[in-house]
Amino acid sequence: MIIGLIGGLIPIFQGWIFGIPGLIILADYFPPIHRLLVWAKKKAGISNKKGGK
């Protein structure tokens, strides 16, 4: 997560590659980050439903 924040400040370093997985990991432990992740998935059109059709 920290590498992702640093990468957001340095133009030649891709911070989102480390920032997004960091948020996904932290979402299990911090409810506000979990809500942010759910909101982002909803905006992206990604469903949490598992299974087939």
PDB file of N, CA and C in Angstrom:
ATOM      1  N   MET A   1       0.832  -1.178   0.000  1.00  0.00           N
ATOM      2  CA  MET A   1       0.000   0.000   0.000  1.00  0.00           C
ATOM      3  C   MET A   1       0.883   1.249   0.000  1.00  0.00           C
ATOM      4  N   ILE A   2       1.914   1.228   0.807  1.00  0.00           N
ATOM      5  CA  ILE A   2       2.817   2.387   0.886  1.00  0.00           C
ATOM      6  C   ILE A   2       3.544   2.574  -0.446  1.00  0.00           C
ATOM      7  N   ILE A   3       3.951   1.471  -1.066  1.00  0.00           N
ATOM      8  CA  ILE A   3       4.608   1.563  -2.369  1.00  0.00           C
ATOM      9  C   ILE A   3       3.646   2.167  -3.390  1.00  0.00           C
ATOM     10  N   GLY A   4       2.368   1.823  -3.286  1.00  0.00           N
ATOM     11  CA  GLY A   4       1.374   2.384  -4.186  1.00  0.00           C
ATOM     12  C   GLY A   4       1.222   3.880  -4.012  1.00  0.00           C
ATOM     13  N   LEU A   5       1.264   4.348  -2.765  1.00  0.00           N
ATOM     14  CA  LEU A   5       1.171   5.792  -2.509  1.00  0.00           C
ATOM     15  C   LEU A   5       2.398   6.524  -3.049  1.00  0.00           C
ATOM     16  N   ILE A   6       3.554   5.944  -2.834  1.00  0.00           N
ATOM     17  CA  ILE A   6       4.782   6.556  -3.359  1.00  0.00           C
ATOM     18  C   ILE A   6       4.742   6.567  -4.887  1.00  0.00           C
ATOM     19  N   GLY A   7       4.266   5.479  -5.467  1.00  0.00           N
ATOM     20  CA  GLY A   7       4.179   5.390  -6.918  1.00  0.00           C
ATOM     21  C   GLY A   7       3.217   6.394  -7.521  1.00  0.00           C
ATOM     22  N   GLY A   8       2.215   6.795  -6.746  1.00  0.00           N
ATOM     23  CA  GLY A   8       1.297   7.814  -7.232  1.00  0.00           C
ATOM     24  C   GLY A   8       1.949   9.179  -7.317  1.00  0.00           C
ATOM     25  N   LEU A   9       3.001   9.388  -6.564  1.00  0.00           N
ATOM     26  CA  LEU A   9       3.694  10.673  -6.564  1.00  0.00           C
ATOM     27  C   LEU A   9       4.820  10.734  -7.583  1.00  0.00           C
ATOM     28  N   ILE A  10       5.346   9.580  -7.963  1.00  0.00           N
ATOM     29  CA  ILE A  10       6.457   9.531  -8.914  1.00  0.00           C
ATOM     30  C   ILE A  10       5.880   9.171 -10.293  1.00  0.00           C
ATOM     31  N   PRO A  11       6.010  10.049 -11.269  1.00  0.00           N
ATOM     32  CA  PRO A  11       5.360   9.818 -12.565  1.00  0.00           C
ATOM     33  C   PRO A  11       5.835   8.579 -13.324  1.00  0.00           C
ATOM     34  N   ILE A  12       7.072   8.154 -13.147  1.00  0.00           N
ATOM     35  CA  ILE A  12       7.566   7.015 -13.924  1.00  0.00           C
ATOM     36  C   ILE A  12       7.283   5.672 -13.257  1.00  0.00           C
ATOM     37  N   PHE A  13       6.727   5.682 -12.063  1.00  0.00           N
ATOM     38  CA  PHE A  13       6.451   4.454 -11.320  1.00  0.00           C
ATOM     39  C   PHE A  13       4.943   4.231 -11.260  1.00  0.00           C
ATOM     40  N   GLN A  14       4.491   3.063 -11.635  1.00  0.00           N
ATOM     41  CA  GLN A  14       3.064   2.760 -11.655  1.00  0.00           C
ATOM     42  C   GLN A  14       2.583   2.378 -10.252  1.00  0.00           C
ATOM     43  N   GLY A  15       2.008   3.326  -9.536  1.00  0.00           N
ATOM     44  CA  GLY A  15       1.580   3.086  -8.167  1.00  0.00           C
ATOM     45  C   GLY A  15       0.334   2.238  -8.050  1.00  0.00           C
ATOM     46  N   TRP A  16      -0.532   2.284  -9.051  1.00  0.00           N
ATOM     47  CA  TRP A  16      -1.786   1.542  -8.954  1.00  0.00           C
ATOM     48  C   TRP A  16      -1.556   0.036  -8.940  1.00  0.00           C
ATOM     49  N   ILE A  17      -0.438  -0.420  -9.491  1.00  0.00           N
ATOM     50  CA  ILE A  17      -0.137  -1.854  -9.508  1.00  0.00           C
ATOM     51  C   ILE A  17       0.007  -2.386  -8.079  1.00  0.00           C
ATOM     52  N   PHE A  18       0.512  -1.562  -7.177  1.00  0.00           N
ATOM     53  CA  PHE A  18       0.672  -1.969  -5.777  1.00  0.00           C
ATOM     54  C   PHE A  18      -0.468  -1.439  -4.909  1.00  0.00           C
ATOM     55  N   GLY A  19      -1.054  -0.325  -5.281  1.00  0.00           N
ATOM     56  CA  GLY A  19      -2.101   0.296  -4.473  1.00  0.00           C
ATOM     57  C   GLY A  19      -3.397  -0.483  -4.451  1.00  0.00           C
ATOM     58  N   ILE A  20      -3.832  -0.965  -5.609  1.00  0.00           N
ATOM     59  CA  ILE A  20      -5.100  -1.694  -5.674  1.00  0.00           C
ATOM     60  C   ILE A  20      -5.036  -3.012  -4.902  1.00  0.00           C
ATOM     61  N   PRO A  21      -4.013  -3.845  -5.093  1.00  0.00           N
ATOM     62  CA  PRO A  21      -3.945  -5.061  -4.267  1.00  0.00           C
ATOM     63  C   PRO A  21      -3.837  -4.752  -2.768  1.00  0.00           C
ATOM     64  N   GLY A  22      -3.150  -3.658  -2.422  1.00  0.00           N
ATOM     65  CA  GLY A  22      -3.063  -3.263  -1.018  1.00  0.00           C
ATOM     66  C   GLY A  22      -4.428  -2.934  -0.442  1.00  0.00           C
ATOM     67  N   LEU A  23      -5.249  -2.240  -1.222  1.00  0.00           N
ATOM     68  CA  LEU A  23      -6.612  -1.927  -0.763  1.00  0.00           C
ATOM     69  C   LEU A  23      -7.445  -3.190  -0.619  1.00  0.00           C
ATOM     70  N   ILE A  24      -7.283  -4.123  -1.538  1.00  0.00           N
ATOM     71  CA  ILE A  24      -8.043  -5.375  -1.464  1.00  0.00           C
ATOM     72  C   ILE A  24      -7.675  -6.152  -0.204  1.00  0.00           C
ATOM     73  N   ILE A  25      -6.397  -6.183   0.131  1.00  0.00           N
ATOM     74  CA  ILE A  25      -5.962  -6.887   1.343  1.00  0.00           C
ATOM     75  C   ILE A  25      -6.471  -6.172   2.593  1.00  0.00           C
ATOM     76  N   LEU A  26      -6.368  -4.853   2.628  1.00  0.00           N
ATOM     77  CA  LEU A  26      -6.811  -4.102   3.799  1.00  0.00           C
ATOM     78  C   LEU A  26      -8.325  -4.120   3.978  1.00  0.00           C
ATOM     79  N   ALA A  27      -9.074  -4.361   2.913  1.00  0.00           N
ATOM     80  CA  ALA A  27     -10.534  -4.374   2.988  1.00  0.00           C
ATOM     81  C   ALA A  27     -11.044  -5.458   3.931  1.00  0.00           C
ATOM     82  N   ASP A  28     -10.269  -6.519   4.124  1.00  0.00           N
ATOM     83  CA  ASP A  28     -10.677  -7.577   5.047  1.00  0.00           C
ATOM     84  C   ASP A  28     -10.612  -7.132   6.500  1.00  0.00           C
ATOM     85  N   TYR A  29      -9.835  -6.089   6.791  1.00  0.00           N
ATOM     86  CA  TYR A  29      -9.594  -5.687   8.171  1.00  0.00           C
ATOM     87  C   TYR A  29     -10.205  -4.342   8.545  1.00  0.00           C
ATOM     88  N   PHE A  30     -10.489  -3.492   7.570  1.00  0.00           N
ATOM     89  CA  PHE A  30     -11.002  -2.152   7.847  1.00  0.00           C
ATOM     90  C   PHE A  30     -12.309  -1.927   7.098  1.00  0.00           C
ATOM     91  N   PRO A  31     -13.437  -1.810   7.820  1.00  0.00           N
ATOM     92  CA  PRO A  31     -14.747  -1.629   7.169  1.00  0.00           C
ATOM     93  C   PRO A  31     -14.834  -0.424   6.219  1.00  0.00           C
ATOM     94  N   PRO A  32     -14.237   0.736   6.532  1.00  0.00           N
ATOM     95  CA  PRO A  32     -14.344   1.844   5.568  1.00  0.00           C
ATOM     96  C   PRO A  32     -13.678   1.519   4.220  1.00  0.00           C
ATOM     97  N   ILE A  33     -12.575   0.799   4.263  1.00  0.00           N
ATOM     98  CA  ILE A  33     -11.903   0.419   3.015  1.00  0.00           C
ATOM     99  C   ILE A  33     -12.731  -0.625   2.278  1.00  0.00           C
ATOM    100  N   HIS A  34     -13.407  -1.492   3.031  1.00  0.00           N
ATOM    101  CA  HIS A  34     -14.283  -2.491   2.412  1.00  0.00           C
ATOM    102  C   HIS A  34     -15.425  -1.794   1.676  1.00  0.00           C
ATOM    103  N   ARG A  35     -16.009  -0.780   2.288  1.00  0.00           N
ATOM    104  CA  ARG A  35     -17.087  -0.031   1.629  1.00  0.00           C
ATOM    105  C   ARG A  35     -16.575   0.656   0.369  1.00  0.00           C
ATOM    106  N   LEU A  36     -15.362   1.196   0.421  1.00  0.00           N
ATOM    107  CA  LEU A  36     -14.762   1.829  -0.744  1.00  0.00           C
ATOM    108  C   LEU A  36     -14.566   0.806  -1.859  1.00  0.00           C
ATOM    109  N   LEU A  37     -14.108  -0.384  -1.523  1.00  0.00           N
ATOM    110  CA  LEU A  37     -13.890  -1.442  -2.502  1.00  0.00           C
ATOM    111  C   LEU A  37     -15.214  -1.892  -3.120  1.00  0.00           C
ATOM    112  N   VAL A  38     -16.251  -2.036  -2.308  1.00  0.00           N
ATOM    113  CA  VAL A  38     -17.569  -2.417  -2.823  1.00  0.00           C
ATOM    114  C   VAL A  38     -18.095  -1.343  -3.775  1.00  0.00           C
ATOM    115  N   TRP A  39     -17.917  -0.069  -3.403  1.00  0.00           N
ATOM    116  CA  TRP A  39     -18.361   1.036  -4.257  1.00  0.00           C
ATOM    117  C   TRP A  39     -17.604   1.015  -5.586  1.00  0.00           C
ATOM    118  N   ALA A  40     -16.292   0.794  -5.535  1.00  0.00           N
ATOM    119  CA  ALA A  40     -15.481   0.780  -6.754  1.00  0.00           C
ATOM    120  C   ALA A  40     -15.868  -0.390  -7.658  1.00  0.00           C
ATOM    121  N   LYS A  41     -16.144  -1.547  -7.062  1.00  0.00           N
ATOM    122  CA  LYS A  41     -16.565  -2.697  -7.861  1.00  0.00           C
ATOM    123  C   LYS A  41     -17.914  -2.422  -8.516  1.00  0.00           C
ATOM    124  N   LYS A  42     -18.804  -1.778  -7.783  1.00  0.00           N
ATOM    125  CA  LYS A  42     -20.123  -1.459  -8.323  1.00  0.00           C
ATOM    126  C   LYS A  42     -19.991  -0.490  -9.500  1.00  0.00           C
ATOM    127  N   LYS A  43     -19.132   0.512  -9.365  1.00  0.00           N
ATOM    128  CA  LYS A  43     -18.910   1.476 -10.444  1.00  0.00           C
ATOM    129  C   LYS A  43     -18.289   0.809 -11.670  1.00  0.00           C
ATOM    130  N   ALA A  44     -17.419  -0.186 -11.437  1.00  0.00           N
ATOM    131  CA  ALA A  44     -16.747  -0.874 -12.535  1.00  0.00           C
ATOM    132  C   ALA A  44     -17.635  -1.952 -13.157  1.00  0.00           C
ATOM    133  N   GLY A  45     -18.744  -2.275 -12.514  1.00  0.00           N
ATOM    134  CA  GLY A  45     -19.636  -3.302 -13.034  1.00  0.00           C
ATOM    135  C   GLY A  45     -19.199  -4.707 -12.704  1.00  0.00           C
ATOM    136  N   ILE A  46     -18.393  -4.858 -11.665  1.00  0.00           N
ATOM    137  CA  ILE A  46     -17.913  -6.175 -11.241  1.00  0.00           C
ATOM    138  C   ILE A  46     -18.856  -6.711 -10.172  1.00  0.00           C
ATOM    139  N   SER A  47     -19.307  -7.929 -10.350  1.00  0.00           N
ATOM    140  CA  SER A  47     -20.241  -8.541  -9.414  1.00  0.00           C
ATOM    141  C   SER A  47     -19.496  -9.396  -8.394  1.00  0.00           C
ATOM    142  N   ASN A  48     -20.009  -9.428  -7.160  1.00  0.00           N
ATOM    143  CA  ASN A  48     -19.427 -10.267  -6.125  1.00  0.00           C
ATOM    144  C   ASN A  48     -20.003 -11.672  -6.140  1.00  0.00           C
ATOM    145  N   LYS A  49     -20.990 -11.912  -6.999  1.00  0.00           N
ATOM    146  CA  LYS A  49     -21.635 -13.222  -7.043  1.00  0.00           C
ATOM    147  C   LYS A  49     -20.696 -14.260  -7.626  1.00  0.00           C
ATOM    148  N   LYS A  50     -20.654 -15.409  -6.986  1.00  0.00           N
ATOM    149  CA  LYS A  50     -19.813 -16.500  -7.487  1.00  0.00           C
ATOM    150  C   LYS A  50     -20.725 -17.539  -8.129  1.00  0.00           C
ATOM    151  N   GLY A  51     -20.184 -18.232  -9.072  1.00  0.00           N
ATOM    152  CA  GLY A  51     -20.963 -19.266  -9.718  1.00  0.00           C
ATOM    153  C   GLY A  51     -21.125 -18.978 -11.199  1.00  0.00           C
ATOM    154  N   GLY A  52     -21.965 -19.764 -11.794  1.00  0.00           N
ATOM    155  CA  GLY A  52     -22.155 -19.692 -13.234  1.00  0.00           C
ATOM    156  C   GLY A  52     -23.040 -18.554 -13.686  1.00  0.00           C
ATOM    157  N   LYS A  53     -24.162 -18.875 -14.205  1.00  0.00           N
ATOM    158  CA  LYS A  53     -25.038 -17.956 -14.897  1.00  0.00           C
ATOM    159  C   LYS A  53     -25.670 -17.028 -13.979  1.00  0.00           C
TER     160      LYS A  53
END
